Amino acid sequence: MARYAWPAGVGAAGVAWYAADSLRHRRESGHGYRLRGEVDVAEPSFLRAAESITGAPVSFGNDADLLINGDRIFPAYIEAIRGAEETVNLLTYAYWRGDIAVEVADTLCEKASAGVECNVIVDAVGAAKMDRKLVAKMRDAGVQVCFFRPPKPYAVKRLQHRTHRKLLIVDGRIGFTGGVGIAEEWTGDAQDPDHWRDTHVRVRGPVVRGLQGAFAENWLECTGDVLAGDRYLPYIEEVEDGGPMQVMRSSATIGDTNAEALVYLAVAAAKRSIELTSAYFVPRPAFTDALLEAAERGVDLRILVPGSHIDKEFVRTAGRAAYDDLLGAGIEIYEYCPTMLHAKTITVDGIWASVGSVNFDNRSFQLHDEVTLCVQSERFAGELHDAFERDLESSERIDPDEWSGRPMTQRTRERITKYARREL
């Protein structure tokens, strides 16, 4: 057995080394947050606070179109690429298979062949199912394709630090972001379990520069290239009747990330209502407390998460461990029934909203590179509210009395998964 001692020791040391580094990034010590000062999401003071703590500049004169599900998202997506004159920058975590995967690749090939600079980042882990023939085809046509952080034996510590961003920026003037990946699952209109429910936005105005910056940050790491000049960062006129927006981008770090700071600020500032949609909902104690404090202030709080069609059942079980406290505070929880719910949106007080890649879990808050568009607009928040209400019609509300009577086996699974919360 002695001959196995040294490899076992090396392995144990490696695990300890990884765990120590990984755990440094978590705030699991019981320390939460508190808001000092008064802010209102409808006022400039909130935007200034969000700008201050995240570094995301506020820009004015912007407009955003809400796009629900693939039948509306992908036609706009493809149209934008086809209309490109100088540059296309595309970043996605998930690039899988299906006709849409081929169509996006073919459209990029057409534009690259016509002289448009096309840059593509796909996460090396998230795009593991991607057809490598499409990659070869794009590269042959002149598309620059980069795999973000391919797994390396010497970089095991950063294996979980992925880019979860979903971005498309055309000519530096039109931008898209949200939750949608490029795969057959995201096509259609959430009509069955094979076609997912998701939310994306198309953006015009100076705020597009923030989306371009989120892409350029990951592109710099991938290639060493700094994207600059008018082809990527043109002067952008304000949109008539446009409003204030911010692009918050967040990356893994020691301590609190921009995503954590922004979400906490929005929840703590709420005075009337919060409508939260999250594909993966596994709040750590500090964020459970923030939601409970909002409910205690009289905020009408509704949470929408996936039901039985979730693609990661383990995550659903872990998230349900927080239901007891939330339901006890009068917070309404709904589980979406028709298919996988992959959207990530927040609407606060009917005036401020965010749409992006950020889930309500530690993976988004602490481990991934993320991006979300923040909009201060009654019109846009109203559209998100209407979509939320439609989703509730296809959802099952968790009844507090029935939940309290769930089987002991289910309670045990929830308790066990809580210990993996910081990795979810």
Protein backbone atom coordinates (compact mmCIF):
# COMPACT_ATOMS: atom_id res chain seq x y z
CA MET A 1 0.00 0.00 0.00
CA ALA A 2 3.01 2.27 0.49
CA ARG A 3 3.37 2.77 -3.26
CA TYR A 4 -0.06 4.45 -3.26
CA ALA A 5 0.76 6.77 -0.39
CA TRP A 6 2.56 9.47 -2.37
CA PRO A 7 -0.04 9.83 -5.18
CA ALA A 8 -2.79 9.84 -2.57
CA GLY A 9 -0.92 12.55 -0.66
CA VAL A 10 -0.44 14.61 -3.80
CA GLY A 11 -4.12 14.24 -4.65
CA ALA A 12 -5.23 15.25 -1.18
CA ALA A 13 -2.94 18.27 -1.25
CA GLY A 14 -4.36 19.25 -4.62
CA VAL A 15 -7.92 19.03 -3.36
CA ALA A 16 -7.06 21.07 -0.27
CA TRP A 17 -5.26 23.65 -2.41
CA TYR A 18 -8.25 23.99 -4.71
CA ALA A 19 -10.74 24.12 -1.86
CA ALA A 20 -8.79 26.73 0.04
CA ASP A 21 -8.59 28.99 -2.99
CA SER A 22 -12.22 28.34 -3.90
CA LEU A 23 -13.55 29.02 -0.42
CA ARG A 24 -11.66 32.30 -0.19
CA HIS A 25 -14.12 33.62 -2.75
CA ARG A 26 -17.21 32.90 -0.66
CA ARG A 27 -18.93 34.93 2.01
CA GLU A 28 -20.16 31.99 4.04
CA SER A 29 -19.14 33.37 7.42
CA GLY A 30 -22.63 34.58 8.24
CA HIS A 31 -21.95 38.23 7.46
CA GLY A 32 -24.73 39.71 5.40
CA TYR A 33 -25.46 43.19 4.13
CA ARG A 34 -27.19 46.30 5.31
CA LEU A 35 -28.20 49.43 3.44
CA ARG A 36 -26.99 52.73 4.89
CA GLY A 37 -28.86 55.64 3.39
CA GLU A 38 -32.12 56.06 1.52
CA VAL A 39 -32.49 55.28 -2.16
CA ASP A 40 -35.50 54.88 -4.42
CA VAL A 41 -35.25 52.82 -7.62
CA ALA A 42 -37.33 55.50 -9.38
CA GLU A 43 -34.87 58.26 -8.55
CA PRO A 44 -31.42 59.27 -9.90
CA SER A 45 -30.00 58.47 -6.46
CA PHE A 46 -30.44 54.76 -7.11
CA LEU A 47 -28.63 54.93 -10.43
CA ARG A 48 -25.78 56.84 -8.80
CA ALA A 49 -25.55 54.22 -6.06
CA ALA A 50 -25.53 51.36 -8.59
CA GLU A 51 -22.91 53.20 -10.63
CA SER A 52 -20.76 53.78 -7.57
CA ILE A 53 -20.67 50.24 -6.23
CA THR A 54 -20.40 48.41 -9.57
CA GLY A 55 -18.48 50.87 -11.72
CA ALA A 56 -21.19 50.54 -14.38
CA PRO A 57 -21.68 54.02 -15.88
CA VAL A 58 -25.18 55.38 -16.33
CA SER A 59 -25.91 56.46 -19.90
CA PHE A 60 -28.97 58.24 -21.21
CA GLY A 61 -30.89 58.16 -24.47
CA ASN A 62 -31.17 54.37 -24.71
CA ASP A 63 -33.95 52.07 -25.85
CA ALA A 64 -34.48 48.34 -25.27
CA ASP A 65 -36.82 45.88 -26.97
CA LEU A 66 -37.96 42.96 -24.84
CA LEU A 67 -37.73 39.66 -26.73
CA ILE A 68 -39.49 36.61 -25.30
CA ASN A 69 -38.51 33.12 -26.51
CA GLY A 70 -36.73 31.94 -29.61
CA ASP A 71 -39.47 32.76 -32.11
CA ARG A 72 -38.85 36.45 -31.41
CA ILE A 73 -35.24 36.38 -30.30
CA PHE A 74 -33.51 34.55 -33.12
CA PRO A 75 -35.10 36.38 -36.10
CA ALA A 76 -33.92 39.66 -34.56
CA TYR A 77 -30.54 38.12 -33.76
CA ILE A 78 -29.97 36.82 -37.30
CA GLU A 79 -31.28 40.05 -38.86
CA ALA A 80 -28.76 42.07 -36.87
CA ILE A 81 -25.84 39.90 -38.00
CA ARG A 82 -26.96 40.06 -41.64
CA GLY A 83 -27.12 43.84 -41.39
CA ALA A 84 -23.53 44.15 -40.12
CA GLU A 85 -21.28 46.43 -42.13
CA GLU A 86 -18.01 46.33 -40.19
CA THR A 87 -17.94 44.18 -37.04
CA VAL A 88 -19.82 41.38 -35.29
CA ASN A 89 -18.90 40.32 -31.76
CA LEU A 90 -20.69 37.25 -30.39
CA LEU A 91 -20.17 35.65 -26.98
CA THR A 92 -22.13 32.76 -25.53
CA TYR A 93 -21.78 30.24 -22.76
CA ALA A 94 -23.87 27.54 -24.47
CA TYR A 95 -23.41 26.85 -28.18
CA TRP A 96 -24.86 23.39 -28.69
CA ARG A 97 -26.61 21.76 -31.65
CA GLY A 98 -29.64 22.14 -33.88
CA ASP A 99 -30.66 24.09 -36.97
CA ILE A 100 -30.21 27.45 -35.22
CA ALA A 101 -26.60 26.56 -34.37
CA VAL A 102 -25.96 25.96 -38.07
CA GLU A 103 -27.87 29.08 -39.14
CA VAL A 104 -25.91 31.37 -36.82
CA ALA A 105 -22.61 29.86 -38.01
CA ASP A 106 -23.60 30.13 -41.69
CA THR A 107 -24.65 33.76 -41.28
CA LEU A 108 -21.35 34.61 -39.61
CA CYS A 109 -19.50 32.86 -42.43
CA GLU A 110 -21.38 34.93 -45.03
CA LYS A 111 -20.50 38.18 -43.30
CA ALA A 112 -16.86 37.22 -42.75
CA SER A 113 -16.54 36.26 -46.41
CA ALA A 114 -17.94 39.70 -47.29
CA GLY A 115 -15.22 41.43 -45.29
CA VAL A 116 -16.96 41.97 -41.95
CA GLU A 117 -14.76 41.31 -38.91
CA CYS A 118 -16.52 38.53 -36.99
CA ASN A 119 -15.26 37.59 -33.52
CA VAL A 120 -16.81 34.72 -31.57
CA ILE A 121 -16.19 33.60 -27.98
CA VAL A 122 -17.69 30.37 -26.72
CA ASP A 123 -17.07 29.08 -23.23
CA ALA A 124 -14.92 25.96 -23.41
CA VAL A 125 -17.06 24.11 -20.86
CA GLY A 126 -20.49 25.48 -21.78
CA ALA A 127 -19.92 24.75 -25.47
CA ALA A 128 -18.59 21.23 -24.96
CA LYS A 129 -21.49 19.85 -27.03
CA MET A 130 -20.79 22.18 -29.97
CA ASP A 131 -20.24 20.54 -33.36
CA ARG A 132 -16.54 21.13 -34.02
CA LYS A 133 -17.24 21.02 -37.76
CA LEU A 134 -19.04 24.35 -37.35
CA VAL A 135 -15.96 25.80 -35.69
CA ALA A 136 -13.76 24.66 -38.57
CA LYS A 137 -16.26 26.03 -41.08
CA MET A 138 -16.34 29.44 -39.41
CA ARG A 139 -12.57 29.65 -39.14
CA ASP A 140 -12.17 28.68 -42.80
CA ALA A 141 -14.50 31.57 -43.71
CA GLY A 142 -12.46 34.05 -41.68
CA VAL A 143 -14.46 34.10 -38.45
CA GLN A 144 -12.16 34.37 -35.43
CA VAL A 145 -13.40 31.76 -32.92
CA CYS A 146 -12.01 31.59 -29.40
CA PHE A 147 -12.73 29.03 -26.68
CA PHE A 148 -12.75 30.74 -23.29
CA ARG A 149 -10.57 29.10 -20.63
CA PRO A 150 -10.11 25.57 -21.96
CA PRO A 151 -9.59 23.18 -19.04
CA LYS A 152 -5.92 22.81 -18.19
CA PRO A 153 -4.33 20.48 -15.59
CA TYR A 154 -2.34 23.39 -14.17
CA ALA A 155 -5.41 25.65 -13.94
CA VAL A 156 -7.85 23.41 -12.08
CA LYS A 157 -8.62 26.23 -9.63
CA ARG A 158 -10.30 28.27 -12.33
CA LEU A 159 -12.25 25.42 -13.91
CA GLN A 160 -15.47 26.77 -12.40
CA HIS A 161 -14.72 30.36 -13.40
CA ARG A 162 -16.56 30.41 -16.72
CA THR A 163 -17.90 33.20 -18.87
CA HIS A 164 -21.66 32.88 -18.59
CA ARG A 165 -22.29 36.06 -20.59
CA LYS A 166 -24.52 36.10 -23.66
CA LEU A 167 -23.71 39.00 -25.96
CA LEU A 168 -24.10 40.06 -29.57
CA ILE A 169 -22.85 43.48 -30.65
CA VAL A 170 -23.09 44.58 -34.28
CA ASP A 171 -21.05 47.53 -35.59
CA GLY A 172 -20.78 48.74 -32.00
CA ARG A 173 -24.29 50.19 -32.31
CA ILE A 174 -26.81 47.37 -31.74
CA GLY A 175 -26.53 45.03 -28.80
CA PHE A 176 -28.25 41.91 -27.49
CA THR A 177 -28.03 40.28 -24.08
CA GLY A 178 -30.09 38.03 -21.84
CA GLY A 179 -30.31 34.35 -21.04
CA VAL A 180 -30.45 32.68 -24.45
CA GLY A 181 -27.86 30.21 -25.67
CA ILE A 182 -27.49 29.00 -29.24
CA ALA A 183 -29.14 25.60 -29.47
CA GLU A 184 -32.36 23.90 -30.50
CA GLU A 185 -33.63 24.12 -26.90
CA TRP A 186 -33.94 27.91 -27.20
CA THR A 187 -35.96 27.92 -30.42
CA GLY A 188 -39.75 28.01 -30.60
CA ASP A 189 -42.11 29.57 -28.08
CA ALA A 190 -41.82 27.40 -24.96
CA GLN A 191 -44.58 25.25 -26.43
CA ASP A 192 -43.28 21.94 -25.02
CA PRO A 193 -40.51 20.56 -22.80
CA ASP A 194 -38.08 20.49 -25.74
CA HIS A 195 -38.30 24.28 -26.24
CA TRP A 196 -37.27 26.47 -23.33
CA ARG A 197 -38.69 29.70 -21.92
CA ASP A 198 -36.17 32.57 -21.97
CA THR A 199 -35.83 36.35 -22.13
CA HIS A 200 -33.46 38.51 -24.16
CA VAL A 201 -33.21 42.21 -25.03
CA ARG A 202 -32.13 44.21 -28.08
CA VAL A 203 -30.54 47.53 -27.16
CA ARG A 204 -29.77 50.77 -28.99
CA GLY A 205 -28.06 53.89 -27.71
CA PRO A 206 -24.83 54.75 -25.86
CA VAL A 207 -25.33 51.87 -23.40
CA VAL A 208 -24.29 49.46 -26.17
CA ARG A 209 -20.74 50.53 -25.36
CA GLY A 210 -21.10 48.72 -22.05
CA LEU A 211 -22.07 45.49 -23.81
CA GLN A 212 -19.09 45.93 -26.12
CA GLY A 213 -16.87 46.38 -23.07
CA ALA A 214 -18.12 43.13 -21.53
CA PHE A 215 -17.23 41.32 -24.75
CA ALA A 216 -13.87 43.09 -25.10
CA GLU A 217 -12.89 42.07 -21.56
CA ASN A 218 -13.28 38.36 -22.33
CA TRP A 219 -11.78 38.79 -25.82
CA LEU A 220 -8.68 40.37 -24.33
CA GLU A 221 -8.16 37.34 -22.09
CA CYS A 222 -8.75 34.93 -24.97
CA THR A 223 -6.54 36.59 -27.56
CA GLY A 224 -4.51 39.45 -26.10
CA ASP A 225 -6.23 41.78 -28.58
CA VAL A 226 -7.50 45.16 -27.37
CA LEU A 227 -10.57 46.14 -29.38
CA ALA A 228 -10.55 49.86 -30.10
CA GLY A 229 -11.37 52.37 -32.80
CA ASP A 230 -14.59 53.46 -34.47
CA ARG A 231 -15.26 50.03 -35.94
CA TYR A 232 -15.86 48.72 -32.44
CA LEU A 233 -16.55 51.84 -30.42
CA PRO A 234 -18.22 54.44 -32.62
CA TYR A 235 -19.83 57.60 -31.35
CA ILE A 236 -23.47 56.70 -30.65
CA GLU A 237 -26.23 59.28 -30.74
CA GLU A 238 -28.82 59.21 -27.98
CA VAL A 239 -32.11 57.63 -29.01
CA GLU A 240 -34.99 60.10 -29.06
CA ASP A 241 -37.15 59.62 -25.96
CA GLY A 242 -34.63 57.06 -24.70
CA GLY A 243 -33.92 56.58 -21.01
CA PRO A 244 -31.17 55.76 -18.52
CA MET A 245 -29.55 52.32 -18.55
CA GLN A 246 -26.47 50.56 -17.22
CA VAL A 247 -24.57 47.44 -18.18
CA MET A 248 -23.32 45.68 -15.06
CA ARG A 249 -20.56 43.17 -15.64
CA SER A 250 -19.24 40.92 -12.93
CA SER A 251 -16.35 38.48 -12.54
CA ALA A 252 -15.09 36.10 -9.88
CA THR A 253 -13.09 37.84 -7.21
CA ILE A 254 -12.17 37.70 -3.55
CA GLY A 255 -14.94 39.36 -1.59
CA ASP A 256 -18.17 40.67 -3.03
CA THR A 257 -18.74 40.86 -6.75
CA ASN A 258 -20.59 43.52 -8.72
CA ALA A 259 -23.47 41.09 -9.25
CA GLU A 260 -23.90 40.59 -5.51
CA ALA A 261 -23.71 44.31 -4.79
CA LEU A 262 -26.22 45.26 -7.47
CA VAL A 263 -28.78 42.59 -6.60
CA TYR A 264 -28.58 43.40 -2.91
CA LEU A 265 -28.99 47.13 -3.59
CA ALA A 266 -32.07 46.51 -5.74
CA VAL A 267 -33.70 44.22 -3.17
CA ALA A 268 -32.86 46.55 -0.26
CA ALA A 269 -34.19 49.60 -2.10
CA ALA A 270 -37.55 48.02 -2.99
CA LYS A 271 -40.55 49.73 -1.44
CA ARG A 272 -43.56 48.18 -3.13
CA SER A 273 -42.83 45.09 -5.24
CA ILE A 274 -40.19 42.66 -6.47
CA GLU A 275 -40.80 40.21 -9.29
CA LEU A 276 -37.86 37.83 -9.56
CA THR A 277 -37.37 35.18 -12.24
CA SER A 278 -34.36 32.88 -11.98
CA ALA A 279 -33.46 29.70 -13.81
CA TYR A 280 -31.31 28.60 -10.88
CA PHE A 281 -32.45 29.87 -7.50
CA VAL A 282 -30.16 28.85 -4.64
CA PRO A 283 -29.79 31.89 -2.37
CA ARG A 284 -27.09 31.87 0.27
CA PRO A 285 -28.10 33.11 3.76
CA ALA A 286 -27.27 36.78 3.13
CA PHE A 287 -29.63 36.93 0.16
CA THR A 288 -32.34 34.91 1.86
CA ASP A 289 -32.14 37.48 4.66
CA ALA A 290 -32.36 40.35 2.17
CA LEU A 291 -35.55 38.88 0.70
CA LEU A 292 -37.01 38.32 4.17
CA GLU A 293 -36.20 41.90 5.18
CA ALA A 294 -37.95 43.17 2.05
CA ALA A 295 -41.04 41.15 2.94
CA GLU A 296 -40.95 42.55 6.49
CA ARG A 297 -40.98 46.07 5.01
CA GLY A 298 -44.23 45.22 3.27
CA VAL A 299 -42.78 44.60 -0.19
CA ASP A 300 -44.98 42.37 -2.36
CA LEU A 301 -42.44 39.75 -3.36
CA ARG A 302 -43.04 37.04 -5.97
CA ILE A 303 -40.43 34.54 -7.15
CA LEU A 304 -40.69 32.42 -10.30
CA VAL A 305 -38.39 29.42 -10.77
CA PRO A 306 -38.37 26.25 -12.89
CA GLY A 307 -40.58 23.31 -12.04
CA SER A 308 -40.14 19.64 -12.85
CA HIS A 309 -38.61 20.34 -16.27
CA ILE A 310 -35.51 21.96 -14.83
CA ASP A 311 -32.35 20.67 -16.50
CA LYS A 312 -30.51 20.37 -13.17
CA GLU A 313 -32.76 18.71 -10.59
CA PHE A 314 -30.04 18.86 -7.95
CA VAL A 315 -30.10 22.67 -8.15
CA ARG A 316 -33.87 22.71 -7.78
CA THR A 317 -33.64 20.58 -4.65
CA ALA A 318 -30.96 22.84 -3.16
CA GLY A 319 -33.00 25.95 -3.91
CA ARG A 320 -36.07 24.47 -2.27
CA ALA A 321 -34.15 24.38 1.00
CA ALA A 322 -34.88 28.12 1.29
CA TYR A 323 -38.65 27.79 0.71
CA ASP A 324 -39.59 27.34 4.37
CA ASP A 325 -38.23 30.71 5.44
CA LEU A 326 -39.47 32.54 2.36
CA LEU A 327 -42.99 31.11 2.48
CA GLY A 328 -43.14 31.79 6.21
CA ALA A 329 -42.57 35.48 5.49
CA GLY A 330 -45.47 35.61 3.04
CA ILE A 331 -43.31 35.54 -0.09
CA GLU A 332 -45.05 33.88 -3.03
CA ILE A 333 -43.08 31.20 -4.90
CA TYR A 334 -44.15 29.79 -8.25
CA GLU A 335 -42.69 26.92 -10.25
CA TYR A 336 -43.01 27.11 -14.04
CA CYS A 337 -44.66 24.00 -15.46
CA PRO A 338 -44.56 23.77 -19.30
CA THR A 339 -40.80 23.53 -19.89
CA MET A 340 -37.40 24.61 -18.59
CA LEU A 341 -37.51 28.23 -17.45
CA HIS A 342 -34.12 29.76 -18.28
CA ALA A 343 -34.83 33.50 -17.90
CA LYS A 344 -33.03 35.77 -15.41
CA THR A 345 -34.94 38.98 -14.72
CA ILE A 346 -35.81 41.29 -11.83
CA THR A 347 -38.43 44.04 -11.73
CA VAL A 348 -38.57 46.39 -8.73
CA ASP A 349 -41.41 48.80 -7.90
CA GLY A 350 -42.62 48.76 -11.50
CA ILE A 351 -39.86 51.17 -12.59
CA TRP A 352 -36.44 49.48 -12.47
CA ALA A 353 -35.59 46.18 -14.12
CA SER A 354 -32.67 43.99 -15.11
CA VAL A 355 -32.36 41.34 -17.82
CA GLY A 356 -29.21 39.34 -18.31
CA SER A 357 -27.28 36.19 -17.51
CA VAL A 358 -27.27 36.48 -13.70
CA ASN A 359 -29.05 33.73 -11.77
CA PHE A 360 -29.92 34.00 -8.08
CA ASP A 361 -27.19 31.61 -6.99
CA ASN A 362 -23.58 31.57 -5.90
CA ARG A 363 -22.37 30.39 -9.29
CA SER A 364 -23.55 33.64 -10.88
CA PHE A 365 -22.75 35.80 -7.87
CA GLN A 366 -19.24 34.48 -7.23
CA LEU A 367 -17.88 32.09 -9.86
CA HIS A 368 -18.88 33.24 -13.35
CA ASP A 369 -18.30 36.24 -15.57
CA GLU A 370 -21.80 37.69 -15.93
CA VAL A 371 -23.56 40.65 -17.49
CA THR A 372 -26.97 42.23 -17.02
CA LEU A 373 -28.73 45.23 -18.53
CA CYS A 374 -30.34 47.56 -15.98
CA VAL A 375 -33.20 49.78 -17.15
CA GLN A 376 -35.04 52.56 -15.35
CA SER A 377 -38.28 52.77 -17.34
CA GLU A 378 -41.93 52.29 -16.49
CA ARG A 379 -42.63 51.09 -20.02
CA PHE A 380 -39.92 48.45 -20.03
CA ALA A 381 -40.67 47.34 -16.46
CA GLY A 382 -44.34 47.15 -17.44
CA GLU A 383 -43.54 44.84 -20.33
CA LEU A 384 -41.53 42.60 -18.05
CA HIS A 385 -44.39 42.63 -15.53
CA ASP A 386 -46.87 41.56 -18.25
CA ALA A 387 -44.56 38.71 -19.27
CA PHE A 388 -44.23 37.69 -15.61
CA GLU A 389 -48.00 37.58 -15.22
CA ARG A 390 -48.34 35.41 -18.32
CA ASP A 391 -45.73 33.02 -16.95
CA LEU A 392 -47.61 32.75 -13.66
CA GLU A 393 -50.65 31.52 -15.58
CA SER A 394 -48.56 28.48 -16.56
CA SER A 395 -47.04 28.01 -13.13
CA GLU A 396 -47.91 26.27 -9.89
CA ARG A 397 -47.88 28.33 -6.72
CA ILE A 398 -46.25 26.62 -3.75
CA ASP A 399 -48.89 26.34 -1.03
CA PRO A 400 -47.30 26.96 2.40
CA ASP A 401 -49.50 24.40 4.17
CA GLU A 402 -48.84 21.68 1.61
CA TRP A 403 -45.15 22.50 1.61
CA SER A 404 -44.90 22.13 5.37
CA GLY A 405 -46.35 18.63 5.02
CA ARG A 406 -43.89 17.39 2.40
CA PRO A 407 -42.27 13.96 3.01
CA MET A 408 -39.28 13.59 5.28
CA THR A 409 -37.25 12.09 2.43
CA GLN A 410 -37.66 15.32 0.49
CA ARG A 411 -36.64 17.40 3.52
CA THR A 412 -33.54 15.27 3.93
CA ARG A 413 -32.48 15.78 0.32
CA GLU A 414 -32.90 19.53 0.73
CA ARG A 415 -30.77 19.58 3.86
CA ILE A 416 -28.03 17.55 2.21
CA THR A 417 -27.85 19.75 -0.89
CA LYS A 418 -27.57 22.89 1.23
CA TYR A 419 -23.96 21.97 1.91
CA ALA A 420 -23.18 22.22 -1.81
CA ARG A 421 -24.85 25.62 -2.08
CA ARG A 422 -21.64 27.58 -2.58
CA GLU A 423 -20.74 25.52 -5.65
CA LEU A 424 -24.19 25.90 -7.29
